[in-house]
């Protein structure tokens, strides 16, 4: 996969897909937002601002206030790759988010998803 294409994708264009995936399985937008805030350190208002500004994934993660120190506890396979083995830092962060949304859609409790 060409990484630069993914990095330049608008976060705002993918965000509705995260919500749809969660809602299809009976989860909520608030839970999706909670996961994103946990991972990135964004407040709800800053998260909404990033969505409204239609920034790309690269900028979204560059401007993230603080990546959660517990991200190393996120393990497993997403899109055929073990997230803990992904070498590119930005791609790993994107896949961490994908993995967390996947766990939400699979019915995992928020406590487990947020590695508490």
Protein backbone atom coordinates (compact mmCIF):
# COMPACT_ATOMS: atom_id res chain seq x y z
CA UNK A 1 0.00 0.00 0.00
CA UNK A 2 1.24 3.46 -0.86
CA UNK A 3 1.57 5.16 2.53
CA UNK A 4 1.62 8.74 1.28
CA UNK A 5 -1.83 8.30 -0.23
CA UNK A 6 -3.23 7.20 3.13
CA UNK A 7 -1.38 9.97 4.99
CA UNK A 8 -2.93 12.62 2.73
CA UNK A 9 -6.47 11.27 3.10
CA UNK A 10 -8.77 13.62 4.92
CA UNK A 11 -9.47 12.49 8.47
CA UNK A 12 -12.94 14.04 8.14
CA UNK A 13 -13.68 11.80 5.14
CA UNK A 14 -12.86 8.63 7.11
CA UNK A 15 -14.46 9.68 10.41
CA UNK A 16 -18.06 9.00 9.24
CA UNK A 17 -16.97 5.47 8.31
CA UNK A 18 -15.71 4.91 11.86
CA UNK A 19 -19.07 6.08 13.20
CA UNK A 20 -21.04 3.98 10.71
CA UNK A 21 -19.03 0.87 11.56
CA UNK A 22 -19.67 1.40 15.27
CA UNK A 23 -23.37 2.27 14.93
CA UNK A 24 -23.98 -0.72 12.66
CA UNK A 25 -22.97 -2.86 15.65
CA UNK A 26 -25.02 -0.94 18.20
CA UNK A 27 -22.25 1.34 19.45
CA UNK A 28 -22.30 5.15 19.47
CA UNK A 29 -20.56 8.19 18.04
CA UNK A 30 -19.71 9.21 21.60
CA UNK A 31 -17.79 5.95 22.02
CA UNK A 32 -15.92 6.55 18.76
CA UNK A 33 -15.04 10.06 19.91
CA UNK A 34 -13.93 8.76 23.31
CA UNK A 35 -11.56 6.31 21.61
CA UNK A 36 -10.10 9.03 19.36
CA UNK A 37 -9.68 11.39 22.32
CA UNK A 38 -8.03 8.63 24.38
CA UNK A 39 -5.58 7.82 21.59
CA UNK A 40 -4.70 11.39 20.57
CA UNK A 41 -5.26 13.61 23.60
CA UNK A 42 -7.63 15.89 21.68
CA UNK A 43 -10.47 17.47 23.63
CA UNK A 44 -13.92 17.10 22.08
CA UNK A 45 -13.86 20.70 20.82
CA UNK A 46 -10.37 20.32 19.28
CA UNK A 47 -11.39 17.03 17.68
CA UNK A 48 -14.42 18.71 16.12
CA UNK A 49 -12.22 21.57 14.95
CA UNK A 50 -9.86 19.12 13.21
CA UNK A 51 -12.84 17.48 11.50
CA UNK A 52 -14.27 20.85 10.44
CA UNK A 53 -10.90 21.94 9.01
CA UNK A 54 -10.80 18.77 6.89
CA UNK A 55 -7.15 18.07 7.71
CA UNK A 56 -5.31 14.99 6.50
CA UNK A 57 -4.24 12.06 8.69
CA UNK A 58 -0.65 13.24 8.75
CA UNK A 59 -1.61 16.64 10.15
CA UNK A 60 -4.21 15.11 12.44
CA UNK A 61 -1.59 12.99 14.21
CA UNK A 62 1.15 15.65 14.03
CA UNK A 63 -1.12 18.10 15.85
CA UNK A 64 -2.40 15.55 18.37
CA UNK A 65 -1.77 16.94 21.86
CA UNK A 66 -0.39 13.64 23.18
CA UNK A 67 -0.51 10.08 21.94
CA UNK A 68 -1.64 7.93 24.85
CA UNK A 69 1.31 6.29 26.62
CA UNK A 70 -0.60 2.98 26.70
CA UNK A 71 -0.61 2.54 22.91
CA UNK A 72 2.00 -0.17 23.27
CA UNK A 73 -0.76 -2.29 24.83
CA UNK A 74 -2.64 -2.25 21.51
CA UNK A 75 -1.76 -5.48 19.77
CA UNK A 76 -3.22 -7.70 17.11
CA UNK A 77 -3.83 -7.78 13.39
CA UNK A 78 -5.53 -5.11 11.33
CA UNK A 79 -5.62 -5.16 7.52
CA UNK A 80 -3.28 -8.14 7.57
CA UNK A 81 -0.55 -6.44 9.62
CA UNK A 82 0.36 -6.80 13.29
CA UNK A 83 -0.04 -3.25 14.62
CA UNK A 84 2.82 -3.67 17.07
CA UNK A 85 5.21 -4.52 14.20
CA UNK A 86 4.41 -1.64 11.84
CA UNK A 87 7.64 0.30 11.29
CA UNK A 88 6.28 3.62 10.03
CA UNK A 89 5.24 5.69 13.05
CA UNK A 90 2.36 7.50 11.33
CA UNK A 91 0.98 4.34 9.73
CA UNK A 92 1.16 2.63 13.11
CA UNK A 93 -0.92 5.41 14.71
CA UNK A 94 -3.50 5.17 11.93
CA UNK A 95 -3.68 1.39 12.37
CA UNK A 96 -3.94 1.77 16.15
CA UNK A 97 -7.06 3.85 15.56
CA UNK A 98 -8.40 1.31 13.07
CA UNK A 99 -7.79 -1.49 15.58
CA UNK A 100 -9.56 0.35 18.40
CA UNK A 101 -12.60 1.08 16.21
CA UNK A 102 -12.59 -2.58 15.16
CA UNK A 103 -12.61 -3.67 18.81
CA UNK A 104 -15.54 -1.32 19.48
CA UNK A 105 -17.50 -2.77 16.56
CA UNK A 106 -16.77 -6.28 17.81
CA UNK A 107 -18.43 -5.53 21.13
CA UNK A 108 -15.40 -5.19 23.37
CA UNK A 109 -16.03 -3.16 26.53
CA UNK A 110 -14.76 0.43 26.61
CA UNK A 111 -12.66 -0.44 29.64
CA UNK A 112 -10.76 -3.06 27.63
CA UNK A 113 -10.54 -0.92 24.50
CA UNK A 114 -9.02 1.94 26.51
CA UNK A 115 -6.56 -0.47 28.11
CA UNK A 116 -7.59 0.28 31.71
